[in-house]
N, C-alpha and C. Protein backbone atom coordinates (compact mmCIF):
# COMPACT_ATOMS: atom_id res chain seq x y z
N MET A 1 -2.98 -7.25 -3.08
CA MET A 1 -3.36 -7.53 -1.70
C MET A 1 -4.76 -6.98 -1.45
N THR A 2 -5.49 -7.62 -0.54
CA THR A 2 -6.84 -7.17 -0.24
C THR A 2 -7.08 -7.17 1.26
N MET A 3 -7.96 -6.27 1.67
CA MET A 3 -8.37 -6.23 3.07
C MET A 3 -9.46 -7.28 3.27
N GLN A 4 -9.16 -8.32 4.05
CA GLN A 4 -10.09 -9.44 4.20
C GLN A 4 -10.71 -9.51 5.59
N ASP A 5 -10.38 -8.56 6.47
CA ASP A 5 -10.89 -8.63 7.84
C ASP A 5 -12.27 -8.00 7.99
N ILE A 6 -12.75 -7.26 6.98
CA ILE A 6 -14.07 -6.66 7.02
C ILE A 6 -14.87 -7.22 5.85
N SER A 7 -16.02 -7.81 6.13
CA SER A 7 -16.81 -8.42 5.07
C SER A 7 -17.36 -7.35 4.14
N PRO A 8 -17.26 -7.54 2.82
CA PRO A 8 -17.82 -6.58 1.88
C PRO A 8 -19.33 -6.54 1.98
N HIS A 9 -19.89 -5.39 1.67
CA HIS A 9 -21.34 -5.21 1.77
C HIS A 9 -22.03 -5.71 0.52
N LYS A 10 -23.15 -6.39 0.68
CA LYS A 10 -23.98 -6.81 -0.42
C LYS A 10 -25.22 -5.93 -0.42
N SER A 11 -25.29 -5.03 -1.39
CA SER A 11 -26.38 -4.07 -1.41
C SER A 11 -27.71 -4.76 -1.72
N LYS A 12 -28.78 -4.20 -1.17
CA LYS A 12 -30.13 -4.74 -1.36
C LYS A 12 -31.06 -3.59 -1.73
N GLY A 13 -32.29 -3.94 -2.06
CA GLY A 13 -33.30 -2.93 -2.29
C GLY A 13 -33.40 -2.52 -3.74
N ARG A 14 -33.92 -1.30 -3.93
CA ARG A 14 -34.18 -0.82 -5.29
C ARG A 14 -32.88 -0.56 -6.06
N PRO A 15 -32.95 -0.59 -7.39
CA PRO A 15 -31.74 -0.33 -8.19
C PRO A 15 -31.18 1.06 -7.90
N ARG A 16 -29.86 1.18 -7.95
CA ARG A 16 -29.21 2.46 -7.70
C ARG A 16 -29.39 3.38 -8.90
N ILE A 17 -29.43 4.68 -8.63
CA ILE A 17 -29.56 5.66 -9.71
C ILE A 17 -28.27 6.47 -9.83
N PHE A 18 -27.16 5.94 -9.31
CA PHE A 18 -25.88 6.61 -9.45
C PHE A 18 -24.83 5.58 -9.86
N ASP A 19 -23.72 6.08 -10.36
CA ASP A 19 -22.62 5.24 -10.80
C ASP A 19 -21.83 4.80 -9.58
N ARG A 20 -21.97 3.54 -9.21
CA ARG A 20 -21.33 3.05 -7.98
C ARG A 20 -19.81 3.13 -8.08
N ASP A 21 -19.25 2.76 -9.23
CA ASP A 21 -17.80 2.80 -9.39
C ASP A 21 -17.26 4.22 -9.28
N ALA A 22 -17.96 5.17 -9.87
CA ALA A 22 -17.54 6.57 -9.79
C ALA A 22 -17.64 7.08 -8.35
N ALA A 23 -18.70 6.67 -7.66
CA ALA A 23 -18.86 7.08 -6.26
C ALA A 23 -17.75 6.49 -5.40
N LEU A 24 -17.40 5.23 -5.67
CA LEU A 24 -16.33 4.59 -4.91
C LEU A 24 -15.01 5.30 -5.15
N ARG A 25 -14.76 5.70 -6.39
CA ARG A 25 -13.51 6.41 -6.71
C ARG A 25 -13.46 7.75 -5.98
N SER A 26 -14.60 8.42 -5.92
CA SER A 26 -14.66 9.70 -5.20
C SER A 26 -14.38 9.49 -3.72
N ALA A 27 -14.91 8.41 -3.16
CA ALA A 27 -14.64 8.09 -1.75
C ALA A 27 -13.16 7.80 -1.54
N LEU A 28 -12.56 7.05 -2.48
CA LEU A 28 -11.13 6.76 -2.41
C LEU A 28 -10.33 8.05 -2.39
N ASP A 29 -10.66 8.99 -3.26
CA ASP A 29 -9.93 10.25 -3.32
C ASP A 29 -10.04 11.01 -2.00
N LEU A 30 -11.22 11.00 -1.39
CA LEU A 30 -11.40 11.71 -0.12
C LEU A 30 -10.65 11.02 1.01
N PHE A 31 -10.76 9.70 1.09
CA PHE A 31 -10.01 8.96 2.11
C PHE A 31 -8.51 9.20 1.93
N TRP A 32 -8.08 9.30 0.69
CA TRP A 32 -6.67 9.51 0.38
C TRP A 32 -6.20 10.86 0.95
N ARG A 33 -7.01 11.88 0.75
CA ARG A 33 -6.63 13.21 1.22
C ARG A 33 -6.79 13.37 2.73
N ARG A 34 -7.83 12.77 3.28
CA ARG A 34 -8.20 13.03 4.66
C ARG A 34 -7.83 11.93 5.64
N GLY A 35 -7.71 10.68 5.14
CA GLY A 35 -7.55 9.56 6.04
C GLY A 35 -8.90 9.00 6.45
N TYR A 36 -8.89 7.85 7.11
CA TYR A 36 -10.16 7.19 7.44
C TYR A 36 -10.97 7.99 8.46
N GLU A 37 -10.36 8.31 9.57
CA GLU A 37 -11.12 8.92 10.68
C GLU A 37 -11.65 10.31 10.36
N PRO A 38 -10.81 11.21 9.83
CA PRO A 38 -11.30 12.58 9.60
C PRO A 38 -12.38 12.68 8.53
N ALA A 39 -12.43 11.74 7.62
CA ALA A 39 -13.43 11.80 6.55
C ALA A 39 -14.81 11.48 7.12
N SER A 40 -15.67 12.45 7.21
CA SER A 40 -17.00 12.25 7.79
C SER A 40 -17.97 11.71 6.75
N ILE A 41 -19.08 11.17 7.22
CA ILE A 41 -20.13 10.69 6.32
C ILE A 41 -20.63 11.84 5.46
N ALA A 42 -20.79 13.01 6.05
CA ALA A 42 -21.27 14.17 5.29
C ALA A 42 -20.29 14.52 4.17
N GLU A 43 -18.99 14.51 4.46
CA GLU A 43 -17.98 14.80 3.44
C GLU A 43 -17.99 13.74 2.36
N LEU A 44 -18.10 12.48 2.77
CA LEU A 44 -18.12 11.39 1.80
C LEU A 44 -19.32 11.51 0.87
N CYS A 45 -20.49 11.79 1.45
CA CYS A 45 -21.69 11.91 0.63
C CYS A 45 -21.57 13.07 -0.35
N SER A 46 -21.02 14.18 0.13
CA SER A 46 -20.84 15.35 -0.74
C SER A 46 -19.88 15.02 -1.88
N SER A 47 -18.79 14.34 -1.56
CA SER A 47 -17.80 13.99 -2.58
C SER A 47 -18.36 12.98 -3.58
N MET A 48 -19.17 12.05 -3.08
CA MET A 48 -19.70 10.98 -3.92
C MET A 48 -20.96 11.40 -4.67
N GLY A 49 -21.57 12.52 -4.27
CA GLY A 49 -22.78 12.99 -4.91
C GLY A 49 -24.01 12.17 -4.58
N ILE A 50 -24.05 11.62 -3.36
CA ILE A 50 -25.19 10.82 -2.93
C ILE A 50 -25.58 11.23 -1.52
N ASN A 51 -26.72 10.72 -1.03
CA ASN A 51 -27.15 11.01 0.33
C ASN A 51 -26.80 9.84 1.24
N PRO A 52 -26.85 10.04 2.56
CA PRO A 52 -26.47 8.96 3.48
C PRO A 52 -27.22 7.66 3.28
N PRO A 53 -28.57 7.68 3.08
CA PRO A 53 -29.25 6.39 2.86
C PRO A 53 -28.71 5.63 1.65
N SER A 54 -28.37 6.36 0.59
CA SER A 54 -27.81 5.69 -0.59
C SER A 54 -26.43 5.11 -0.30
N LEU A 55 -25.64 5.85 0.48
CA LEU A 55 -24.31 5.34 0.84
C LEU A 55 -24.43 4.05 1.63
N TYR A 56 -25.30 4.05 2.64
CA TYR A 56 -25.44 2.84 3.46
C TYR A 56 -26.04 1.69 2.67
N ALA A 57 -26.98 2.00 1.77
CA ALA A 57 -27.60 0.94 0.97
C ALA A 57 -26.59 0.31 0.01
N ALA A 58 -25.71 1.13 -0.55
CA ALA A 58 -24.77 0.63 -1.55
C ALA A 58 -23.51 0.02 -0.94
N PHE A 59 -23.06 0.58 0.20
CA PHE A 59 -21.77 0.17 0.75
C PHE A 59 -21.84 -0.40 2.17
N GLY A 60 -22.94 -0.25 2.84
CA GLY A 60 -23.11 -0.84 4.17
C GLY A 60 -22.75 0.09 5.29
N SER A 61 -21.50 0.44 5.41
CA SER A 61 -21.03 1.29 6.50
C SER A 61 -19.80 2.05 6.03
N LYS A 62 -19.39 3.00 6.83
CA LYS A 62 -18.16 3.73 6.49
C LYS A 62 -16.97 2.78 6.44
N ALA A 63 -16.91 1.83 7.37
CA ALA A 63 -15.81 0.88 7.40
C ALA A 63 -15.80 0.02 6.14
N GLN A 64 -16.97 -0.45 5.71
CA GLN A 64 -17.04 -1.27 4.50
C GLN A 64 -16.72 -0.47 3.25
N LEU A 65 -17.14 0.78 3.23
CA LEU A 65 -16.80 1.67 2.12
C LEU A 65 -15.29 1.86 2.06
N PHE A 66 -14.68 2.07 3.19
CA PHE A 66 -13.24 2.25 3.23
C PHE A 66 -12.51 0.99 2.76
N MET A 67 -13.03 -0.17 3.19
CA MET A 67 -12.43 -1.44 2.76
C MET A 67 -12.45 -1.56 1.24
N GLU A 68 -13.60 -1.23 0.64
CA GLU A 68 -13.69 -1.31 -0.82
C GLU A 68 -12.74 -0.31 -1.48
N ALA A 69 -12.64 0.87 -0.88
CA ALA A 69 -11.74 1.89 -1.43
C ALA A 69 -10.29 1.42 -1.39
N VAL A 70 -9.90 0.81 -0.27
CA VAL A 70 -8.53 0.30 -0.15
C VAL A 70 -8.28 -0.82 -1.15
N ASN A 71 -9.24 -1.72 -1.28
CA ASN A 71 -9.08 -2.81 -2.25
C ASN A 71 -8.95 -2.26 -3.67
N CYS A 72 -9.73 -1.24 -3.98
CA CYS A 72 -9.65 -0.59 -5.29
C CYS A 72 -8.27 0.03 -5.48
N TYR A 73 -7.78 0.69 -4.46
CA TYR A 73 -6.46 1.33 -4.49
C TYR A 73 -5.36 0.29 -4.70
N GLU A 74 -5.41 -0.79 -3.93
CA GLU A 74 -4.39 -1.83 -4.04
C GLU A 74 -4.40 -2.45 -5.44
N ALA A 75 -5.58 -2.76 -5.94
CA ALA A 75 -5.68 -3.40 -7.25
C ALA A 75 -5.16 -2.49 -8.36
N GLU A 76 -5.49 -1.20 -8.27
CA GLU A 76 -5.11 -0.27 -9.33
C GLU A 76 -3.64 0.08 -9.31
N TYR A 77 -3.08 0.24 -8.11
CA TYR A 77 -1.72 0.78 -8.03
C TYR A 77 -0.65 -0.24 -7.63
N TRP A 78 -0.98 -1.21 -6.78
CA TRP A 78 0.08 -1.97 -6.15
C TRP A 78 0.15 -3.45 -6.49
N ASP A 79 -0.95 -4.07 -6.89
CA ASP A 79 -0.92 -5.52 -7.11
C ASP A 79 0.15 -5.92 -8.13
N SER A 80 0.24 -5.19 -9.23
CA SER A 80 1.22 -5.52 -10.26
C SER A 80 2.64 -5.30 -9.77
N VAL A 81 2.82 -4.32 -8.86
CA VAL A 81 4.16 -4.03 -8.32
C VAL A 81 4.62 -5.18 -7.42
N TRP A 82 3.74 -5.65 -6.54
CA TRP A 82 4.08 -6.78 -5.67
C TRP A 82 4.31 -8.04 -6.49
N ASP A 83 3.47 -8.26 -7.51
CA ASP A 83 3.62 -9.45 -8.35
C ASP A 83 4.97 -9.43 -9.08
N SER A 84 5.34 -8.27 -9.60
CA SER A 84 6.61 -8.15 -10.30
C SER A 84 7.78 -8.44 -9.37
N MET A 85 7.70 -7.92 -8.15
CA MET A 85 8.77 -8.17 -7.18
C MET A 85 8.92 -9.67 -6.91
N ALA A 86 7.80 -10.36 -6.78
CA ALA A 86 7.84 -11.78 -6.46
C ALA A 86 8.32 -12.63 -7.64
N LEU A 87 8.02 -12.21 -8.85
CA LEU A 87 8.25 -13.06 -10.03
C LEU A 87 9.52 -12.74 -10.80
N THR A 88 10.09 -11.55 -10.60
CA THR A 88 11.34 -11.22 -11.30
C THR A 88 12.45 -12.11 -10.76
N PRO A 89 13.12 -12.90 -11.60
CA PRO A 89 14.07 -13.91 -11.11
C PRO A 89 15.26 -13.35 -10.33
N ASP A 90 15.85 -12.29 -10.84
CA ASP A 90 17.03 -11.74 -10.18
C ASP A 90 16.61 -10.79 -9.07
N PHE A 91 17.16 -11.01 -7.88
CA PHE A 91 16.74 -10.24 -6.71
C PHE A 91 17.04 -8.76 -6.86
N LEU A 92 18.24 -8.43 -7.35
CA LEU A 92 18.60 -7.02 -7.51
C LEU A 92 17.67 -6.34 -8.51
N ASP A 93 17.39 -7.02 -9.61
CA ASP A 93 16.45 -6.46 -10.60
C ASP A 93 15.08 -6.27 -9.97
N ALA A 94 14.64 -7.28 -9.20
CA ALA A 94 13.31 -7.22 -8.58
C ALA A 94 13.17 -6.02 -7.66
N MET A 95 14.19 -5.79 -6.84
CA MET A 95 14.11 -4.70 -5.87
C MET A 95 14.29 -3.34 -6.54
N GLU A 96 15.11 -3.29 -7.58
CA GLU A 96 15.27 -2.02 -8.29
C GLU A 96 13.96 -1.60 -8.95
N ILE A 97 13.31 -2.56 -9.60
CA ILE A 97 12.01 -2.28 -10.21
C ILE A 97 10.98 -1.91 -9.15
N PHE A 98 11.02 -2.61 -8.01
CA PHE A 98 10.06 -2.37 -6.94
C PHE A 98 10.16 -0.94 -6.42
N PHE A 99 11.36 -0.51 -6.07
CA PHE A 99 11.52 0.83 -5.51
C PHE A 99 11.34 1.92 -6.56
N ARG A 100 11.70 1.61 -7.79
CA ARG A 100 11.45 2.58 -8.87
C ARG A 100 9.96 2.79 -9.05
N ASP A 101 9.20 1.69 -9.07
CA ASP A 101 7.75 1.79 -9.23
C ASP A 101 7.10 2.44 -8.00
N ALA A 102 7.62 2.14 -6.82
CA ALA A 102 7.07 2.75 -5.60
C ALA A 102 7.25 4.27 -5.63
N ALA A 103 8.43 4.72 -6.06
CA ALA A 103 8.67 6.16 -6.17
C ALA A 103 7.73 6.80 -7.18
N LYS A 104 7.49 6.08 -8.27
CA LYS A 104 6.59 6.59 -9.32
C LYS A 104 5.16 6.71 -8.80
N ILE A 105 4.69 5.69 -8.08
CA ILE A 105 3.32 5.69 -7.57
C ILE A 105 3.16 6.74 -6.47
N LEU A 106 4.05 6.71 -5.49
CA LEU A 106 3.91 7.59 -4.34
C LEU A 106 4.17 9.05 -4.69
N GLY A 107 5.07 9.29 -5.64
CA GLY A 107 5.42 10.66 -5.99
C GLY A 107 4.73 11.17 -7.23
N GLY A 108 3.87 10.35 -7.83
CA GLY A 108 3.19 10.76 -9.05
C GLY A 108 1.95 11.59 -8.76
N GLY A 109 1.45 12.23 -9.78
CA GLY A 109 0.26 13.07 -9.62
C GLY A 109 -0.99 12.29 -9.26
N ASP A 110 -1.03 10.99 -9.59
CA ASP A 110 -2.22 10.20 -9.27
C ASP A 110 -2.29 9.85 -7.80
N ALA A 111 -1.17 9.95 -7.09
CA ALA A 111 -1.14 9.60 -5.67
C ALA A 111 -0.52 10.76 -4.89
N PRO A 112 -1.23 11.90 -4.82
CA PRO A 112 -0.63 13.10 -4.26
C PRO A 112 -0.33 13.02 -2.77
N CYS A 113 -0.91 12.07 -2.09
CA CYS A 113 -0.71 12.00 -0.64
C CYS A 113 0.02 10.73 -0.20
N GLY A 114 0.66 10.03 -1.14
CA GLY A 114 1.38 8.84 -0.74
C GLY A 114 0.47 7.63 -0.63
N CYS A 115 0.87 6.68 0.18
CA CYS A 115 0.16 5.40 0.27
C CYS A 115 -1.06 5.49 1.17
N LEU A 116 -2.21 5.15 0.64
CA LEU A 116 -3.46 5.20 1.40
C LEU A 116 -3.40 4.31 2.63
N VAL A 117 -2.83 3.12 2.49
CA VAL A 117 -2.80 2.16 3.60
C VAL A 117 -1.96 2.67 4.76
N ILE A 118 -0.83 3.31 4.45
CA ILE A 118 0.05 3.81 5.50
C ILE A 118 -0.52 5.06 6.13
N LEU A 119 -0.97 6.01 5.31
CA LEU A 119 -1.42 7.29 5.83
C LEU A 119 -2.74 7.17 6.58
N ALA A 120 -3.63 6.31 6.12
CA ALA A 120 -4.90 6.14 6.81
C ALA A 120 -4.68 5.57 8.21
N ALA A 121 -3.64 4.78 8.36
CA ALA A 121 -3.38 4.14 9.65
C ALA A 121 -2.95 5.15 10.72
N THR A 122 -2.56 6.35 10.30
CA THR A 122 -2.10 7.34 11.28
C THR A 122 -3.26 8.05 11.97
N ASN A 123 -4.49 7.84 11.50
CA ASN A 123 -5.61 8.52 12.13
C ASN A 123 -6.83 7.62 12.29
N VAL A 124 -6.59 6.37 12.66
CA VAL A 124 -7.67 5.44 13.00
C VAL A 124 -7.79 5.39 14.52
N SER A 125 -8.96 5.73 15.02
CA SER A 125 -9.14 5.80 16.46
C SER A 125 -9.26 4.41 17.07
N ALA A 126 -9.14 4.37 18.40
CA ALA A 126 -9.22 3.08 19.11
C ALA A 126 -10.58 2.43 18.92
N GLY A 127 -11.60 3.23 18.63
CA GLY A 127 -12.95 2.68 18.47
C GLY A 127 -13.18 2.00 17.14
N ALA A 128 -12.27 2.20 16.19
CA ALA A 128 -12.43 1.60 14.86
C ALA A 128 -11.56 0.35 14.75
N ASP A 129 -11.80 -0.60 15.64
CA ASP A 129 -10.95 -1.79 15.73
C ASP A 129 -10.92 -2.59 14.43
N GLU A 130 -12.07 -2.74 13.79
CA GLU A 130 -12.12 -3.57 12.59
C GLU A 130 -11.28 -2.98 11.47
N VAL A 131 -11.32 -1.67 11.33
CA VAL A 131 -10.51 -1.01 10.31
C VAL A 131 -9.04 -1.11 10.66
N ASP A 132 -8.71 -0.87 11.92
CA ASP A 132 -7.33 -0.93 12.37
C ASP A 132 -6.74 -2.32 12.13
N LYS A 133 -7.50 -3.35 12.48
CA LYS A 133 -7.02 -4.72 12.30
C LYS A 133 -6.86 -5.06 10.82
N ALA A 134 -7.78 -4.57 9.99
CA ALA A 134 -7.70 -4.84 8.56
C ALA A 134 -6.46 -4.18 7.96
N LEU A 135 -6.17 -2.95 8.38
CA LEU A 135 -4.98 -2.26 7.88
C LEU A 135 -3.71 -2.94 8.38
N GLN A 136 -3.72 -3.38 9.63
CA GLN A 136 -2.58 -4.11 10.17
C GLN A 136 -2.31 -5.37 9.36
N ALA A 137 -3.39 -6.09 9.03
CA ALA A 137 -3.24 -7.33 8.27
C ALA A 137 -2.68 -7.05 6.88
N LEU A 138 -3.12 -5.94 6.27
CA LEU A 138 -2.64 -5.59 4.95
C LEU A 138 -1.16 -5.20 4.98
N ARG A 139 -0.77 -4.45 6.00
CA ARG A 139 0.64 -4.08 6.12
C ARG A 139 1.50 -5.31 6.40
N LYS A 140 0.98 -6.23 7.20
CA LYS A 140 1.71 -7.47 7.48
C LYS A 140 1.88 -8.29 6.21
N GLU A 141 0.88 -8.27 5.35
CA GLU A 141 0.99 -9.01 4.09
C GLU A 141 2.14 -8.47 3.25
N GLY A 142 2.30 -7.14 3.25
CA GLY A 142 3.42 -6.54 2.53
C GLY A 142 4.75 -6.96 3.12
N ARG A 143 4.86 -6.94 4.46
CA ARG A 143 6.10 -7.36 5.11
C ARG A 143 6.40 -8.82 4.79
N ASP A 144 5.36 -9.65 4.79
CA ASP A 144 5.55 -11.07 4.51
C ASP A 144 6.02 -11.30 3.06
N LEU A 145 5.49 -10.52 2.13
CA LEU A 145 5.91 -10.66 0.73
C LEU A 145 7.38 -10.30 0.58
N LEU A 146 7.81 -9.24 1.26
CA LEU A 146 9.22 -8.86 1.19
C LEU A 146 10.10 -9.93 1.84
N LEU A 147 9.66 -10.46 2.97
CA LEU A 147 10.43 -11.49 3.65
C LEU A 147 10.56 -12.73 2.78
N ARG A 148 9.47 -13.13 2.12
CA ARG A 148 9.51 -14.29 1.24
C ARG A 148 10.47 -14.07 0.09
N ARG A 149 10.48 -12.84 -0.44
CA ARG A 149 11.37 -12.56 -1.57
C ARG A 149 12.83 -12.58 -1.15
N VAL A 150 13.12 -12.05 0.03
CA VAL A 150 14.50 -12.08 0.53
C VAL A 150 14.94 -13.52 0.79
N LYS A 151 14.08 -14.32 1.39
CA LYS A 151 14.41 -15.71 1.66
C LYS A 151 14.66 -16.48 0.36
N LYS A 152 13.87 -16.19 -0.67
CA LYS A 152 14.07 -16.84 -1.96
C LYS A 152 15.44 -16.46 -2.53
N ALA A 153 15.82 -15.19 -2.38
CA ALA A 153 17.12 -14.76 -2.88
C ALA A 153 18.25 -15.48 -2.15
N ILE A 154 18.07 -15.72 -0.87
CA ILE A 154 19.07 -16.48 -0.11
C ILE A 154 19.13 -17.92 -0.61
N ASP A 155 17.96 -18.53 -0.79
CA ASP A 155 17.91 -19.91 -1.27
C ASP A 155 18.51 -20.05 -2.67
N ASP A 156 18.34 -19.00 -3.50
CA ASP A 156 18.85 -19.04 -4.87
C ASP A 156 20.33 -18.66 -4.97
N GLY A 157 20.94 -18.35 -3.83
CA GLY A 157 22.34 -17.97 -3.84
C GLY A 157 22.60 -16.55 -4.29
N GLN A 158 21.57 -15.71 -4.30
CA GLN A 158 21.72 -14.32 -4.72
C GLN A 158 22.03 -13.39 -3.54
N LEU A 159 21.85 -13.91 -2.34
CA LEU A 159 22.23 -13.22 -1.11
C LEU A 159 23.01 -14.21 -0.25
N PRO A 160 23.92 -13.71 0.58
CA PRO A 160 24.69 -14.62 1.44
C PRO A 160 23.78 -15.46 2.34
N LYS A 161 24.22 -16.67 2.64
CA LYS A 161 23.42 -17.58 3.46
C LYS A 161 23.16 -17.01 4.86
N ASN A 162 24.11 -16.20 5.35
CA ASN A 162 23.94 -15.66 6.71
C ASN A 162 23.22 -14.31 6.73
N THR A 163 22.58 -13.95 5.62
CA THR A 163 21.81 -12.69 5.58
C THR A 163 20.69 -12.73 6.61
N ASP A 164 20.53 -11.64 7.34
CA ASP A 164 19.42 -11.50 8.28
C ASP A 164 18.17 -11.18 7.47
N ALA A 165 17.45 -12.24 7.09
CA ALA A 165 16.32 -12.08 6.18
C ALA A 165 15.24 -11.18 6.77
N LYS A 166 14.90 -11.42 8.02
CA LYS A 166 13.85 -10.61 8.64
C LYS A 166 14.31 -9.16 8.79
N GLY A 167 15.56 -8.97 9.21
CA GLY A 167 16.06 -7.62 9.38
C GLY A 167 16.10 -6.86 8.07
N LEU A 168 16.54 -7.51 6.99
CA LEU A 168 16.62 -6.85 5.69
C LEU A 168 15.22 -6.52 5.17
N SER A 169 14.31 -7.47 5.27
CA SER A 169 12.96 -7.22 4.76
C SER A 169 12.26 -6.12 5.56
N LEU A 170 12.47 -6.10 6.87
CA LEU A 170 11.88 -5.03 7.70
C LEU A 170 12.48 -3.67 7.33
N THR A 171 13.77 -3.66 7.05
CA THR A 171 14.42 -2.41 6.66
C THR A 171 13.84 -1.90 5.35
N LEU A 172 13.69 -2.79 4.37
CA LEU A 172 13.13 -2.39 3.08
C LEU A 172 11.68 -1.92 3.23
N ASN A 173 10.92 -2.60 4.07
CA ASN A 173 9.54 -2.19 4.29
C ASN A 173 9.46 -0.84 4.99
N THR A 174 10.36 -0.61 5.94
CA THR A 174 10.39 0.67 6.64
C THR A 174 10.73 1.80 5.69
N ILE A 175 11.65 1.55 4.75
CA ILE A 175 11.98 2.55 3.74
C ILE A 175 10.74 2.85 2.89
N LEU A 176 10.04 1.80 2.50
CA LEU A 176 8.83 1.98 1.68
C LEU A 176 7.79 2.82 2.42
N GLU A 177 7.53 2.49 3.69
CA GLU A 177 6.55 3.25 4.46
C GLU A 177 7.02 4.68 4.69
N GLY A 178 8.32 4.84 4.92
CA GLY A 178 8.86 6.18 5.12
C GLY A 178 8.72 7.05 3.88
N MET A 179 8.84 6.45 2.71
CA MET A 179 8.65 7.20 1.46
C MET A 179 7.26 7.80 1.40
N SER A 180 6.27 7.04 1.85
CA SER A 180 4.90 7.53 1.83
C SER A 180 4.71 8.71 2.77
N LEU A 181 5.25 8.59 3.97
CA LEU A 181 5.14 9.68 4.93
C LEU A 181 5.89 10.92 4.45
N ALA A 182 7.01 10.71 3.76
CA ALA A 182 7.78 11.83 3.24
C ALA A 182 6.97 12.61 2.22
N VAL A 183 6.20 11.90 1.40
CA VAL A 183 5.35 12.57 0.42
C VAL A 183 4.34 13.46 1.12
N ARG A 184 3.77 12.96 2.21
CA ARG A 184 2.80 13.76 2.97
C ARG A 184 3.43 15.06 3.47
N ASP A 185 4.73 15.03 3.72
CA ASP A 185 5.43 16.22 4.21
C ASP A 185 6.06 17.03 3.09
N GLY A 186 5.72 16.69 1.85
CA GLY A 186 6.14 17.53 0.74
C GLY A 186 7.26 17.00 -0.11
N ALA A 187 7.71 15.77 0.12
CA ALA A 187 8.79 15.22 -0.71
C ALA A 187 8.34 15.11 -2.17
N SER A 188 9.25 15.40 -3.07
CA SER A 188 8.95 15.36 -4.50
C SER A 188 9.27 13.99 -5.08
N ARG A 189 8.89 13.78 -6.33
CA ARG A 189 9.24 12.55 -7.03
C ARG A 189 10.75 12.40 -7.09
N ARG A 190 11.46 13.49 -7.33
CA ARG A 190 12.91 13.43 -7.37
C ARG A 190 13.48 13.00 -6.02
N ASP A 191 12.89 13.48 -4.92
CA ASP A 191 13.32 13.07 -3.59
C ASP A 191 13.15 11.56 -3.41
N LEU A 192 12.00 11.06 -3.85
CA LEU A 192 11.74 9.62 -3.70
C LEU A 192 12.67 8.79 -4.57
N ASP A 193 13.00 9.30 -5.74
CA ASP A 193 13.96 8.59 -6.59
C ASP A 193 15.32 8.49 -5.90
N ARG A 194 15.69 9.53 -5.17
CA ARG A 194 16.96 9.50 -4.42
C ARG A 194 16.91 8.46 -3.31
N VAL A 195 15.77 8.38 -2.63
CA VAL A 195 15.60 7.37 -1.58
C VAL A 195 15.69 5.97 -2.19
N ALA A 196 15.01 5.77 -3.31
CA ALA A 196 15.03 4.47 -3.98
C ALA A 196 16.45 4.09 -4.39
N LYS A 197 17.22 5.06 -4.86
CA LYS A 197 18.59 4.80 -5.27
C LYS A 197 19.44 4.37 -4.07
N LEU A 198 19.26 5.04 -2.94
CA LEU A 198 20.02 4.69 -1.74
C LEU A 198 19.57 3.35 -1.17
N ALA A 199 18.27 3.05 -1.29
CA ALA A 199 17.78 1.74 -0.86
C ALA A 199 18.47 0.63 -1.65
N MET A 200 18.66 0.87 -2.93
CA MET A 200 19.33 -0.13 -3.76
C MET A 200 20.81 -0.23 -3.44
N GLN A 201 21.43 0.85 -3.01
CA GLN A 201 22.82 0.76 -2.56
C GLN A 201 22.93 -0.17 -1.35
N LEU A 202 21.94 -0.07 -0.47
CA LEU A 202 21.92 -0.95 0.70
C LEU A 202 21.77 -2.41 0.25
N VAL A 203 20.83 -2.66 -0.66
CA VAL A 203 20.59 -4.02 -1.13
C VAL A 203 21.82 -4.58 -1.83
N ARG A 204 22.43 -3.77 -2.68
CA ARG A 204 23.63 -4.23 -3.39
C ARG A 204 24.78 -4.48 -2.42
N GLY A 205 24.84 -3.68 -1.35
CA GLY A 205 25.88 -3.90 -0.35
C GLY A 205 25.73 -5.25 0.32
N VAL A 206 24.50 -5.61 0.63
CA VAL A 206 24.25 -6.93 1.22
C VAL A 206 24.60 -8.03 0.23
N ALA A 207 24.17 -7.87 -1.02
CA ALA A 207 24.44 -8.89 -2.03
C ALA A 207 25.92 -9.01 -2.34
N SER A 208 26.66 -7.91 -2.27
CA SER A 208 28.08 -7.94 -2.61
C SER A 208 28.89 -8.77 -1.62
N GLN A 209 28.37 -8.97 -0.41
CA GLN A 209 29.06 -9.82 0.56
C GLN A 209 29.15 -11.24 0.05
N GLN A 210 28.16 -11.63 -0.76
CA GLN A 210 28.19 -12.96 -1.38
C GLN A 210 29.33 -13.05 -2.39
N ASP A 211 29.50 -11.98 -3.19
CA ASP A 211 30.56 -11.98 -4.19
C ASP A 211 31.93 -12.04 -3.51
N THR A 212 32.08 -11.31 -2.40
CA THR A 212 33.35 -11.31 -1.68
C THR A 212 33.70 -12.69 -1.17
N LYS A 213 32.70 -13.40 -0.66
CA LYS A 213 32.95 -14.74 -0.12
C LYS A 213 33.29 -15.74 -1.21
N GLN A 214 32.70 -15.51 -2.42
CA GLN A 214 32.95 -16.44 -3.51
C GLN A 214 34.28 -16.19 -4.20
N ALA A 215 34.83 -14.96 -4.04
CA ALA A 215 36.07 -14.60 -4.71
C ALA A 215 37.24 -15.37 -4.18
């Protein structure tokens, strides 16, 4: 998934004398720890090892830098997870892999603060409308992917025809977002694995209603 509501910056001027990819990764790490709003330009420059003019020349604005950081985060950690969920034929297998991978990403050492998209949204001020709208669109894309997968399971006969598709997908998405917030409050990888296991009990409970009707 990508943030498409903020246009990416096209840098101009003299060639850069710093590693842009490394600077972007440093910005991602800071946004991850601090969130969008609290991360100041001074902190970003210090973390990235550049001065403000270089930041603006290379990335355009703080909002555009954040957009690139989120896109980098999504591509590195989540794109393959969403793709696997959509393409795994069996719904139960798809969701088990999805929540297992989510627990691994959110509770792993590479993602010490949980999901960047969820946590950054908790500290975006009213004045940062473009960032807020971009994050909203990205979260909606996740909800839509889950809804599409649930509807496909219903169409394929893997869930009962009367399954509340929107309700189930919203529930699964809420569990996913809650896992991220739990990490921020100190939840361990083992804690997230327990949540993932219970999420699958819920999914299997819904699917088992199909087996009961067919019996």
